[in-house]
N, C-alpha and C. Protein backbone atom coordinates (compact mmCIF):
# COMPACT_ATOMS: atom_id res chain seq x y z
N UNK A 1 38.53 67.80 155.98
CA UNK A 1 37.70 66.80 155.75
C UNK A 1 38.82 65.65 155.97
N UNK A 2 38.11 64.50 156.45
CA UNK A 2 39.45 63.55 156.79
C UNK A 2 39.03 62.59 155.23
N UNK A 3 40.47 61.88 155.05
CA UNK A 3 40.45 61.61 153.88
C UNK A 3 39.73 60.37 153.48
N UNK A 4 39.25 59.51 152.62
CA UNK A 4 38.72 57.97 152.75
C UNK A 4 39.46 57.18 152.55
N UNK A 5 41.01 57.31 151.94
CA UNK A 5 41.88 56.74 150.98
C UNK A 5 43.31 57.41 150.92
N UNK A 6 44.01 56.67 151.56
CA UNK A 6 45.50 57.03 151.33
C UNK A 6 46.01 56.33 150.07
N UNK A 7 47.00 56.87 149.75
CA UNK A 7 48.11 56.27 148.82
C UNK A 7 49.10 56.88 148.87
N UNK A 8 50.55 56.15 150.21
CA UNK A 8 51.47 57.03 150.56
C UNK A 8 52.70 56.56 150.06
N UNK A 9 53.20 57.36 149.29
CA UNK A 9 54.58 56.43 148.82
C UNK A 9 54.71 55.13 147.82
N UNK A 10 53.48 54.73 147.39
CA UNK A 10 53.51 53.38 146.67
C UNK A 10 54.67 53.12 145.71
N UNK A 11 54.85 51.77 146.05
CA UNK A 11 56.24 51.40 145.09
C UNK A 11 55.36 49.53 144.47
N UNK A 12 54.43 49.17 143.65
CA UNK A 12 54.73 48.19 143.31
C UNK A 12 55.42 47.53 142.01
N UNK A 13 56.24 46.33 142.50
CA UNK A 13 57.29 45.40 141.06
C UNK A 13 56.26 44.34 141.24
N UNK A 14 56.18 43.81 139.84
CA UNK A 14 55.37 43.47 139.40
C UNK A 14 56.55 42.44 138.13
N UNK A 15 56.32 40.82 137.94
CA UNK A 15 57.21 40.43 136.82
C UNK A 15 58.86 41.37 136.45
N UNK A 16 59.35 41.65 137.89
CA UNK A 16 60.80 41.75 138.02
C UNK A 16 60.93 44.07 137.65
N UNK A 17 59.73 44.11 137.24
CA UNK A 17 59.84 45.64 137.51
C UNK A 17 58.97 46.45 137.82
N UNK A 18 59.20 47.63 138.25
CA UNK A 18 58.72 48.51 138.95
C UNK A 18 57.20 49.01 137.85
N UNK A 19 56.15 48.73 138.75
CA UNK A 19 54.97 49.15 138.15
C UNK A 19 54.50 50.47 138.40
N UNK A 20 54.57 50.42 139.48
CA UNK A 20 54.35 52.15 140.56
C UNK A 20 55.61 52.41 141.04
N UNK A 21 55.85 53.92 140.85
CA UNK A 21 56.94 54.19 141.56
C UNK A 21 56.64 55.47 142.27
N UNK A 22 56.26 55.36 144.11
CA UNK A 22 56.11 56.17 144.69
C UNK A 22 55.10 56.55 144.37
N UNK A 23 53.77 56.45 144.31
CA UNK A 23 52.37 57.01 144.05
C UNK A 23 52.50 57.43 145.20
N UNK A 24 51.33 58.78 145.47
CA UNK A 24 51.33 59.43 146.55
C UNK A 24 49.64 59.90 146.04
N UNK A 25 48.72 59.81 147.03
CA UNK A 25 47.34 60.00 146.72
C UNK A 25 46.27 60.03 147.69
N UNK A 26 45.64 61.49 148.26
CA UNK A 26 44.34 61.56 148.88
C UNK A 26 42.86 61.32 148.07
N UNK A 27 42.00 61.04 148.19
CA UNK A 27 40.91 60.66 147.94
C UNK A 27 39.25 61.10 149.38
N UNK A 28 38.92 62.14 148.96
CA UNK A 28 38.08 62.72 150.21
C UNK A 28 36.50 62.56 149.61
N UNK A 29 35.58 62.64 150.77
CA UNK A 29 34.27 62.53 150.61
C UNK A 29 33.39 63.28 149.22
N UNK A 30 32.87 62.97 148.38
CA UNK A 30 32.45 63.78 147.61
C UNK A 30 33.15 64.08 146.79
N UNK A 31 34.36 63.45 146.04
CA UNK A 31 35.34 63.83 145.33
C UNK A 31 35.42 62.65 144.25
N UNK A 32 35.87 62.88 143.32
CA UNK A 32 36.15 62.42 142.05
C UNK A 32 37.63 62.74 141.65
N UNK A 33 38.03 61.38 141.26
CA UNK A 33 39.62 61.49 141.21
C UNK A 33 39.49 60.78 139.59
N UNK A 34 40.48 61.47 138.22
CA UNK A 34 40.21 60.72 137.61
C UNK A 34 41.96 60.59 137.11
N UNK A 35 42.48 59.23 136.74
CA UNK A 35 43.27 59.20 136.31
C UNK A 35 44.07 58.39 135.03
N UNK A 36 44.20 59.12 134.14
CA UNK A 36 44.44 59.36 132.68
C UNK A 36 46.33 58.06 132.52
N UNK A 37 45.99 57.29 131.63
CA UNK A 37 47.42 56.89 131.10
C UNK A 37 47.15 55.54 130.15
N UNK A 38 48.46 55.79 129.50
CA UNK A 38 48.09 54.44 128.79
C UNK A 38 48.16 52.75 128.96
N UNK A 39 47.59 52.40 128.20
CA UNK A 39 47.53 50.48 128.26
C UNK A 39 49.08 50.74 129.44
N UNK A 40 49.29 49.88 129.86
CA UNK A 40 50.69 49.23 130.93
C UNK A 40 51.26 50.27 131.72
N UNK A 41 50.85 51.85 132.06
CA UNK A 41 50.80 52.81 132.52
C UNK A 41 50.87 52.42 134.27
N UNK A 42 50.16 51.36 134.75
CA UNK A 42 50.30 51.40 136.11
C UNK A 42 48.41 51.16 136.47
N UNK A 43 47.65 51.95 136.09
CA UNK A 43 46.40 52.15 136.26
C UNK A 43 45.54 50.84 137.34
N UNK A 44 45.86 49.81 136.58
CA UNK A 44 45.13 48.98 136.79
C UNK A 44 45.74 48.22 138.44
N UNK A 45 46.72 48.50 138.30
CA UNK A 45 47.53 47.89 139.83
C UNK A 45 47.24 49.01 140.47
N UNK A 46 47.20 50.56 140.37
CA UNK A 46 46.78 51.00 141.47
C UNK A 46 45.47 51.03 141.97
N UNK A 47 44.96 50.45 141.03
CA UNK A 47 43.46 50.40 141.81
C UNK A 47 43.21 49.07 142.30
N UNK A 48 44.13 47.88 141.76
CA UNK A 48 43.92 47.32 142.94
C UNK A 48 44.93 46.83 143.90
N UNK A 49 45.55 48.18 144.27
CA UNK A 49 46.36 48.38 145.20
C UNK A 49 45.06 48.87 146.35
N UNK A 50 44.44 50.28 145.55
CA UNK A 50 43.48 51.08 146.72
C UNK A 50 42.38 50.10 146.90
N UNK A 51 41.96 48.82 145.90
CA UNK A 51 40.72 47.73 146.71
C UNK A 51 41.43 47.12 147.72
N UNK A 52 42.72 47.14 147.75
CA UNK A 52 42.92 46.27 148.68
C UNK A 52 43.71 44.56 148.57
N UNK A 53 43.08 44.58 146.92
CA UNK A 53 43.50 43.30 146.17
C UNK A 53 45.11 42.75 146.22
N UNK A 54 46.02 43.75 146.32
CA UNK A 54 46.92 43.01 146.40
C UNK A 54 47.87 44.19 147.30
N UNK A 55 49.11 44.02 147.64
CA UNK A 55 50.07 44.87 148.50
C UNK A 55 51.16 45.46 147.89
N UNK A 56 50.87 46.67 148.60
CA UNK A 56 52.48 47.26 147.74
C UNK A 56 53.94 46.64 148.29
N UNK A 57 54.94 46.80 147.23
CA UNK A 57 56.09 46.63 147.55
C UNK A 57 57.06 47.62 148.20
N UNK A 58 56.67 48.79 148.21
CA UNK A 58 57.37 49.64 149.26
C UNK A 58 55.59 50.42 149.49
N UNK A 59 55.72 51.36 150.78
CA UNK A 59 54.79 52.66 150.84
C UNK A 59 53.40 51.77 151.63
N UNK A 60 52.58 52.29 151.50
CA UNK A 60 51.34 52.16 152.60
C UNK A 60 49.96 52.73 151.73
N UNK A 61 49.11 51.79 151.89
CA UNK A 61 47.48 52.17 151.31
C UNK A 61 46.85 51.92 152.60
N UNK A 62 46.25 53.53 153.02
CA UNK A 62 45.19 53.29 154.08
C UNK A 62 43.36 54.01 153.96
N UNK A 63 42.82 52.77 154.41
CA UNK A 63 41.24 53.79 154.31
C UNK A 63 40.94 53.72 155.39
N UNK A 64 40.12 54.66 155.44
CA UNK A 64 39.10 55.28 156.45
C UNK A 64 37.89 54.39 156.91
N UNK A 65 38.35 53.09 157.13
CA UNK A 65 36.87 52.06 157.49
C UNK A 65 37.11 50.76 158.31
N UNK A 66 36.67 50.81 159.20
CA UNK A 66 37.20 49.93 160.63
C UNK A 66 36.89 48.23 160.28
N UNK A 67 36.15 48.11 159.31
CA UNK A 67 36.50 46.53 158.93
C UNK A 67 36.84 46.51 157.51
N UNK A 68 37.97 47.42 157.19
CA UNK A 68 39.19 47.42 156.27
C UNK A 68 38.37 47.87 154.61
N UNK A 69 38.85 47.05 153.53
CA UNK A 69 38.57 47.63 152.29
C UNK A 69 37.34 46.96 151.95
N UNK A 70 36.87 45.75 152.38
CA UNK A 70 36.25 44.78 151.68
C UNK A 70 35.07 45.48 152.62
N UNK A 71 34.83 46.43 153.80
CA UNK A 71 33.82 47.05 154.16
C UNK A 71 33.64 48.42 153.65
N UNK A 72 34.42 48.87 152.85
CA UNK A 72 34.09 50.42 152.44
C UNK A 72 33.97 50.37 150.37
N UNK A 73 34.85 49.42 150.27
CA UNK A 73 35.07 49.83 148.99
C UNK A 73 34.60 49.14 147.81
N UNK A 74 33.78 49.63 146.81
CA UNK A 74 33.35 48.92 145.57
C UNK A 74 33.82 49.33 144.52
N UNK A 75 34.24 47.86 143.83
CA UNK A 75 35.65 47.97 143.01
C UNK A 75 34.92 47.41 141.86
N UNK A 76 34.97 48.14 140.71
CA UNK A 76 34.49 47.60 139.07
C UNK A 76 35.96 47.10 138.07
N UNK A 77 36.14 46.22 137.88
CA UNK A 77 37.26 46.34 137.06
C UNK A 77 37.39 45.95 135.70
N UNK A 78 38.40 45.69 134.59
CA UNK A 78 38.00 45.63 133.50
C UNK A 78 37.25 44.60 133.36
N UNK A 79 37.14 43.31 134.23
CA UNK A 79 36.37 42.16 133.87
C UNK A 79 35.12 42.06 135.15
N UNK A 80 34.28 41.66 134.57
CA UNK A 80 32.97 41.91 135.29
C UNK A 80 33.12 40.68 136.42
N UNK A 81 33.07 41.59 137.62
CA UNK A 81 33.12 40.34 138.93
C UNK A 81 31.31 39.82 138.95
N UNK A 82 31.05 39.34 138.00
CA UNK A 82 29.39 38.24 137.91
C UNK A 82 29.51 36.89 137.26
N UNK A 83 28.71 36.30 137.99
CA UNK A 83 28.81 34.27 137.64
C UNK A 83 27.83 35.16 136.50
N UNK A 84 28.32 33.85 135.53
CA UNK A 84 28.27 33.72 134.16
C UNK A 84 27.14 32.89 134.02
N UNK A 85 26.92 31.61 135.24
CA UNK A 85 25.87 31.02 135.02
C UNK A 85 24.52 31.05 135.82
N UNK A 86 24.58 31.88 136.81
CA UNK A 86 23.37 32.86 137.17
C UNK A 86 22.89 33.83 136.21
N UNK A 87 21.68 33.95 136.26
CA UNK A 87 20.81 35.00 136.02
C UNK A 87 20.90 36.42 136.26
N UNK A 88 20.89 37.49 135.72
CA UNK A 88 20.89 38.82 135.95
C UNK A 88 20.35 39.17 137.84
N UNK A 89 18.99 38.45 137.85
CA UNK A 89 18.33 38.32 139.22
C UNK A 89 18.99 37.76 140.38
N UNK A 90 19.36 36.43 139.78
CA UNK A 90 20.17 35.83 140.39
C UNK A 90 21.20 36.03 141.32
N UNK A 91 22.47 36.64 140.29
CA UNK A 91 23.22 37.40 140.70
C UNK A 91 23.53 38.95 141.95
N UNK A 92 22.34 39.49 141.61
CA UNK A 92 21.87 40.30 142.54
C UNK A 92 21.18 39.47 143.60
N UNK A 93 20.45 38.53 143.78
CA UNK A 93 20.27 38.32 145.31
C UNK A 93 21.73 37.80 145.60
N UNK A 94 22.61 37.12 145.08
CA UNK A 94 23.27 36.28 145.43
C UNK A 94 24.09 37.64 146.56
N UNK A 95 24.68 38.58 145.59
CA UNK A 95 25.62 39.66 146.00
C UNK A 95 24.30 40.43 147.05
N UNK A 96 23.62 40.22 147.43
CA UNK A 96 22.67 40.83 148.12
C UNK A 96 23.07 40.02 149.69
N UNK A 97 22.76 38.89 149.52
CA UNK A 97 22.84 37.78 150.60
C UNK A 97 24.12 37.99 151.35
N UNK A 98 24.81 38.28 150.21
CA UNK A 98 26.50 38.23 151.04
C UNK A 98 26.55 39.70 151.55
N UNK A 99 26.21 40.31 150.82
CA UNK A 99 26.39 41.75 151.90
C UNK A 99 25.71 42.49 152.88
N UNK A 100 24.39 41.34 153.23
CA UNK A 100 23.17 41.62 153.88
C UNK A 100 22.46 43.05 153.59
N UNK A 101 22.34 43.48 152.33
CA UNK A 101 21.63 44.16 151.88
C UNK A 101 20.51 43.99 150.61
N UNK A 102 20.31 44.23 149.50
CA UNK A 102 19.68 44.27 148.52
C UNK A 102 18.63 45.60 148.10
N UNK A 103 17.80 45.62 146.66
CA UNK A 103 17.83 46.43 146.03
C UNK A 103 16.84 47.51 147.02
N UNK A 104 16.26 46.66 148.28
CA UNK A 104 14.91 47.21 148.68
C UNK A 104 15.63 48.00 149.93
N UNK A 105 16.74 47.55 150.48
CA UNK A 105 17.52 48.28 151.32
C UNK A 105 18.93 49.70 150.83
N UNK A 106 18.95 49.05 149.46
CA UNK A 106 20.04 50.07 148.88
C UNK A 106 19.67 50.92 148.00
N UNK A 107 19.46 52.14 148.28
CA UNK A 107 18.76 52.95 146.98
C UNK A 107 19.45 53.63 145.95
N UNK A 108 21.00 53.56 146.31
CA UNK A 108 21.69 53.81 145.35
C UNK A 108 22.11 52.46 143.94
N UNK A 109 22.18 51.50 144.80
CA UNK A 109 21.91 50.35 144.13
C UNK A 109 20.85 50.34 143.27
N UNK A 110 19.49 50.56 144.01
CA UNK A 110 18.52 50.35 143.14
C UNK A 110 18.70 51.18 142.35
N UNK A 111 18.82 52.36 142.32
CA UNK A 111 18.86 53.65 141.45
C UNK A 111 19.84 52.92 140.38
N UNK A 112 20.77 52.24 140.44
CA UNK A 112 21.61 51.92 139.46
C UNK A 112 20.77 50.81 138.35
N UNK A 113 20.23 50.15 139.08
CA UNK A 113 19.54 49.13 138.89
C UNK A 113 18.40 49.81 137.34
N UNK A 114 17.38 50.57 138.04
CA UNK A 114 16.83 51.56 137.25
C UNK A 114 17.46 52.07 136.16
N UNK A 115 18.16 52.64 136.52
CA UNK A 115 19.15 53.88 135.56
C UNK A 115 19.50 52.66 134.14
N UNK A 116 20.22 51.84 134.13
CA UNK A 116 20.85 50.76 133.52
C UNK A 116 19.96 50.00 132.93
N UNK A 117 18.74 49.85 133.29
CA UNK A 117 17.58 49.48 132.50
C UNK A 117 17.45 47.67 132.40
N UNK A 118 18.20 47.16 133.95
CA UNK A 118 18.47 45.79 133.72
C UNK A 118 17.32 45.09 134.09
N UNK A 119 15.95 45.58 135.13
CA UNK A 119 15.09 44.91 134.39
C UNK A 119 14.96 44.08 133.00
N UNK A 120 15.23 44.34 132.26
CA UNK A 120 14.63 43.96 130.83
C UNK A 120 15.40 42.40 130.67
N UNK A 121 16.39 42.59 131.86
CA UNK A 121 17.41 41.14 131.17
C UNK A 121 17.14 40.42 132.34
N UNK A 122 16.74 40.77 133.59
CA UNK A 122 16.46 40.12 135.05
C UNK A 122 16.42 38.45 134.66
N UNK A 123 15.86 37.81 133.66
CA UNK A 123 16.03 36.34 133.75
C UNK A 123 16.88 35.85 133.05
N UNK A 124 17.63 36.70 132.26
CA UNK A 124 18.56 36.11 131.30
C UNK A 124 20.05 35.72 132.07
N UNK A 125 20.52 34.82 131.71
CA UNK A 125 21.91 34.56 131.83
C UNK A 125 22.98 35.76 131.84
N UNK A 126 23.99 35.95 132.81
CA UNK A 126 24.83 36.74 132.63
C UNK A 126 25.94 36.17 131.43
N UNK A 127 25.85 35.19 131.40
CA UNK A 127 26.74 34.92 130.44
C UNK A 127 26.71 35.08 128.98
N UNK A 128 25.17 35.22 129.18
CA UNK A 128 24.64 35.69 127.51
C UNK A 128 24.73 37.31 127.40
N UNK A 129 24.87 37.95 128.24
CA UNK A 129 24.96 39.28 128.10
C UNK A 129 25.82 39.79 127.06
N UNK A 130 25.78 40.78 126.03
CA UNK A 130 27.56 41.82 125.96
C UNK A 130 27.93 42.39 127.59
N UNK A 131 29.42 42.42 126.86
CA UNK A 131 30.40 43.04 127.38
C UNK A 131 29.44 44.24 128.61
N UNK A 132 28.68 44.83 127.50
CA UNK A 132 28.56 46.36 127.85
C UNK A 132 27.46 46.00 129.13
N UNK A 133 26.42 45.34 128.86
CA UNK A 133 25.61 45.00 129.82
C UNK A 133 25.91 44.23 130.97
N UNK A 134 26.44 43.26 131.10
CA UNK A 134 27.72 42.71 132.29
C UNK A 134 28.21 43.81 133.02
N UNK A 135 28.73 44.98 132.43
CA UNK A 135 29.45 46.14 133.32
C UNK A 135 28.37 46.81 134.01
N UNK A 136 27.31 47.01 133.28
CA UNK A 136 25.95 47.72 134.05
C UNK A 136 25.61 46.78 135.50
N UNK A 137 26.13 45.44 135.25
CA UNK A 137 25.59 44.81 136.67
C UNK A 137 26.50 44.62 137.59
N UNK A 138 27.57 44.64 136.97
CA UNK A 138 28.22 44.77 137.66
C UNK A 138 28.60 46.16 138.84
N UNK A 139 28.15 47.12 138.12
CA UNK A 139 28.02 48.63 138.67
C UNK A 139 27.15 48.16 139.76
N UNK A 140 25.92 47.81 139.69
CA UNK A 140 24.97 47.41 140.49
C UNK A 140 25.50 46.43 141.59
N UNK A 141 26.17 45.52 141.35
CA UNK A 141 26.79 44.41 142.33
C UNK A 141 27.65 45.30 143.07
N UNK A 142 28.84 46.61 142.48
CA UNK A 142 29.65 46.68 143.28
C UNK A 142 28.48 47.86 144.92
N UNK A 143 28.03 47.84 144.38
CA UNK A 143 26.95 49.11 144.96
C UNK A 143 25.91 48.77 146.07
N UNK A 144 26.18 47.36 146.19
CA UNK A 144 25.17 47.07 146.93
C UNK A 144 25.90 46.55 148.70
N UNK A 145 27.00 46.64 148.50
CA UNK A 145 28.09 46.51 149.46
C UNK A 145 28.03 48.04 150.60
N UNK A 146 26.97 48.93 149.77
CA UNK A 146 26.93 50.38 151.05
C UNK A 146 28.33 50.86 151.07
N UNK A 147 28.74 50.51 149.78
CA UNK A 147 30.26 51.58 149.66
C UNK A 147 30.53 52.69 149.80
N UNK A 148 31.38 53.38 150.50
CA UNK A 148 31.95 55.14 150.75
C UNK A 148 33.18 54.96 149.99
N UNK A 149 33.65 54.33 149.31
CA UNK A 149 34.63 54.85 147.96
C UNK A 149 34.31 53.44 146.97
N UNK A 150 34.01 54.18 145.63
CA UNK A 150 33.87 53.41 144.24
C UNK A 150 35.22 53.35 143.39
N UNK A 151 36.03 52.54 143.34
CA UNK A 151 37.36 52.20 142.05
C UNK A 151 36.78 51.96 140.79
N UNK A 152 36.62 52.66 139.81
CA UNK A 152 36.52 52.34 138.60
C UNK A 152 37.41 52.52 137.42
N UNK A 153 37.92 51.10 137.09
CA UNK A 153 38.69 51.27 135.73
C UNK A 153 38.02 50.72 134.65
N UNK A 154 38.15 52.26 133.87
CA UNK A 154 37.46 52.60 132.62
C UNK A 154 35.99 52.27 132.78
N UNK A 155 35.23 52.85 133.69
CA UNK A 155 33.83 52.26 133.43
C UNK A 155 33.14 52.89 132.58
N UNK A 156 33.62 53.70 131.69
CA UNK A 156 32.53 54.03 130.34
C UNK A 156 33.25 53.09 129.10
N UNK A 157 34.35 51.75 129.11
CA UNK A 157 34.34 51.17 128.22
C UNK A 157 33.06 50.37 127.99
N UNK A 158 33.08 49.81 126.51
CA UNK A 158 31.81 49.16 126.40
C UNK A 158 30.37 49.80 126.39
N UNK A 159 30.03 50.99 127.04
CA UNK A 159 28.97 51.18 127.43
C UNK A 159 28.72 52.30 125.71
N UNK A 160 27.31 52.61 125.24
CA UNK A 160 26.82 53.11 124.23
C UNK A 160 26.43 54.28 125.09
N UNK A 161 25.54 55.41 123.82
CA UNK A 161 25.79 56.86 124.47
C UNK A 161 24.36 56.13 125.45
N UNK A 162 23.66 55.92 125.46
CA UNK A 162 22.97 55.83 126.77
C UNK A 162 22.92 55.16 127.85
N UNK A 163 23.48 54.27 127.64
CA UNK A 163 24.33 54.02 129.22
C UNK A 163 25.43 54.99 129.64
N UNK A 164 26.18 55.39 128.92
CA UNK A 164 26.95 56.16 129.20
C UNK A 164 26.74 57.35 129.89
N UNK A 165 25.34 57.76 129.14
CA UNK A 165 24.87 58.94 129.91
C UNK A 165 24.03 58.56 131.14
N UNK A 166 23.34 57.46 131.36
CA UNK A 166 23.08 56.45 132.54
C UNK A 166 23.68 56.97 133.63
N UNK A 167 25.34 56.49 133.25
CA UNK A 167 26.43 56.34 134.21
C UNK A 167 26.81 57.41 135.08
N UNK A 168 26.77 58.27 133.76
CA UNK A 168 27.39 59.90 134.27
C UNK A 168 26.26 60.34 135.79
N UNK A 169 24.97 59.95 135.53
CA UNK A 169 24.08 60.69 136.43
C UNK A 169 24.05 59.60 137.43
N UNK A 170 24.51 58.54 137.43
CA UNK A 170 24.17 57.96 138.85
C UNK A 170 26.12 58.16 139.54
N UNK A 171 26.39 58.20 138.94
CA UNK A 171 28.11 58.75 139.42
C UNK A 171 27.68 60.43 140.21
N UNK A 172 27.23 61.09 139.39
CA UNK A 172 26.87 62.61 140.27
C UNK A 172 25.54 62.68 141.79
N UNK A 173 24.89 61.26 141.66
CA UNK A 173 23.88 61.02 142.37
C UNK A 173 25.17 60.60 143.35
N UNK A 174 25.92 59.36 143.44
CA UNK A 174 26.89 58.97 144.28
C UNK A 174 27.78 60.14 145.21
N UNK A 175 28.18 61.15 144.09
CA UNK A 175 28.92 61.88 144.27
C UNK A 175 28.44 62.58 145.70
N UNK A 176 26.92 63.43 145.20
CA UNK A 176 26.43 63.64 146.32
C UNK A 176 25.96 63.30 147.32
N UNK A 177 25.85 61.88 147.80
CA UNK A 177 25.69 60.99 148.33
C UNK A 177 26.95 61.03 149.20
N UNK A 178 27.82 61.94 148.67
CA UNK A 178 29.47 61.80 149.56
C UNK A 178 30.33 60.86 149.41
N UNK A 179 29.87 59.66 148.74
CA UNK A 179 30.73 58.27 147.90
C UNK A 179 31.86 59.63 147.05
N UNK A 180 33.09 59.20 147.64
CA UNK A 180 34.36 59.24 146.37
C UNK A 180 34.48 58.60 145.28
N UNK A 181 34.87 58.61 143.93
CA UNK A 181 35.46 57.98 143.24
C UNK A 181 36.53 58.30 142.90
N UNK A 182 37.30 57.21 142.27
CA UNK A 182 38.56 56.81 141.53
C UNK A 182 38.69 56.10 140.23
N UNK A 183 38.42 57.10 139.54
CA UNK A 183 38.44 56.32 137.93
C UNK A 183 39.70 56.04 137.09
N UNK A 184 39.52 55.69 136.09
CA UNK A 184 40.90 55.69 135.43
C UNK A 184 40.38 55.51 134.01
N UNK A 185 41.07 56.63 132.96
CA UNK A 185 40.64 56.50 131.52
C UNK A 185 41.64 55.82 130.51
N UNK A 186 42.09 55.51 129.55
CA UNK A 186 43.57 55.71 128.80
C UNK A 186 43.56 57.41 127.91
N UNK A 187 42.50 57.67 127.92
CA UNK A 187 42.98 58.69 127.11
C UNK A 187 41.61 59.93 127.90
N UNK A 188 42.65 61.44 128.01
CA UNK A 188 41.68 61.77 128.26
C UNK A 188 39.98 62.34 127.64
N UNK A 189 39.12 62.26 128.39
CA UNK A 189 37.68 61.79 128.05
C UNK A 189 36.38 63.03 128.79
N UNK A 190 36.00 63.72 127.62
CA UNK A 190 34.65 64.38 128.69
C UNK A 190 34.03 63.66 129.37
N UNK A 191 33.73 62.15 129.17
CA UNK A 191 32.72 61.43 130.09
C UNK A 191 32.95 61.55 131.61
N UNK A 192 34.52 61.43 131.75
CA UNK A 192 35.40 61.57 132.58
C UNK A 192 35.56 62.48 133.28
N UNK A 193 35.83 63.57 132.44
CA UNK A 193 36.56 65.02 133.06
C UNK A 193 35.64 65.84 132.96
N UNK A 194 33.92 65.46 132.70
CA UNK A 194 33.22 66.80 133.01
C UNK A 194 32.87 65.94 134.91
N UNK A 195 32.99 64.56 135.36
CA UNK A 195 33.03 64.27 136.66
C UNK A 195 33.99 64.87 137.89
N UNK A 196 35.12 64.95 137.16
CA UNK A 196 36.20 65.00 137.73
C UNK A 196 36.67 66.52 138.52
N UNK A 197 36.81 66.08 140.01
CA UNK A 197 37.45 67.42 140.55
C UNK A 197 38.98 67.55 140.30
N UNK A 198 39.90 66.35 140.27
CA UNK A 198 40.84 66.42 140.02
C UNK A 198 41.39 65.51 139.06
N UNK A 199 41.98 65.75 138.39
CA UNK A 199 42.83 64.80 137.05
C UNK A 199 44.28 64.78 137.09
N UNK A 200 44.53 63.49 137.07
CA UNK A 200 46.06 62.97 136.93
C UNK A 200 46.39 62.30 135.76
N UNK A 201 47.65 62.20 135.87
CA UNK A 201 48.60 61.16 134.37
C UNK A 201 49.17 60.35 135.25
N UNK A 202 49.50 59.16 135.01
CA UNK A 202 50.17 57.86 135.04
C UNK A 202 51.11 57.67 133.88
N UNK A 203 52.39 57.74 134.05
CA UNK A 203 53.34 57.69 132.92
C UNK A 203 54.40 56.43 133.51
N UNK A 204 54.74 55.53 132.76
CA UNK A 204 55.55 54.64 133.68
C UNK A 204 55.43 54.40 134.67
N UNK A 205 54.30 54.50 135.72
CA UNK A 205 54.82 54.19 137.44
C UNK A 205 54.36 55.66 137.55
N UNK A 206 54.87 56.73 137.07
CA UNK A 206 54.46 57.53 137.76
C UNK A 206 53.33 58.84 137.53
N UNK A 207 52.91 59.19 139.34
CA UNK A 207 51.40 60.08 139.08
C UNK A 207 52.03 61.37 138.83
N UNK A 208 51.52 61.85 138.54
CA UNK A 208 51.42 63.54 138.19
C UNK A 208 50.36 64.32 138.27
N UNK A 209 49.97 65.51 138.62
CA UNK A 209 48.46 66.30 138.56
C UNK A 209 48.47 66.76 137.39
N UNK A 210 47.70 66.71 136.50
CA UNK A 210 47.64 67.10 135.48
C UNK A 210 47.58 68.96 135.52
N UNK A 211 48.28 69.37 134.49
CA UNK A 211 48.43 71.05 134.50
C UNK A 211 47.24 71.81 133.96
């Protein structure tokens, strides 16, 4: 099966130091890969490179997507990419218009909206939500663009048990639909490991498959 994403010998220098050192990774449809590493190990930089938000200093990042990464990647970072001065519903309407989709046309995003329980806050400003609720909204936002690849930076951070269980169900549905998942976590965590087909560690910019 052809990979959706390939990082080939990727190095990245930031602030005069090598944050990533020769990272090579491939991700196929329906596959979940978890990368565990301490803060500062390079996890977020790796995801931002995989999302096309920055370019490698050396090596190559490749996506199986004719429109480039913006056409096939859903990215959820540490900071939710939602507009605080818009309501929850207005955020969904804005990003739906941006992607030419909507909850009525994106079954996975609609299921995320339902599972995450966002309807109760549809009229609330996003800025009034807790961090955990903004993360839930950000997950729906990421799914509106019909991604084939989801890049999730510590997605369970800030979620209570109910939301964590809902997210696990959603991610299993996404895998069943053939999406690929690349997730980071600071520590080995059952919520991540229960989804993973492969687990890696990232230490001082070096990626290695966990034994």
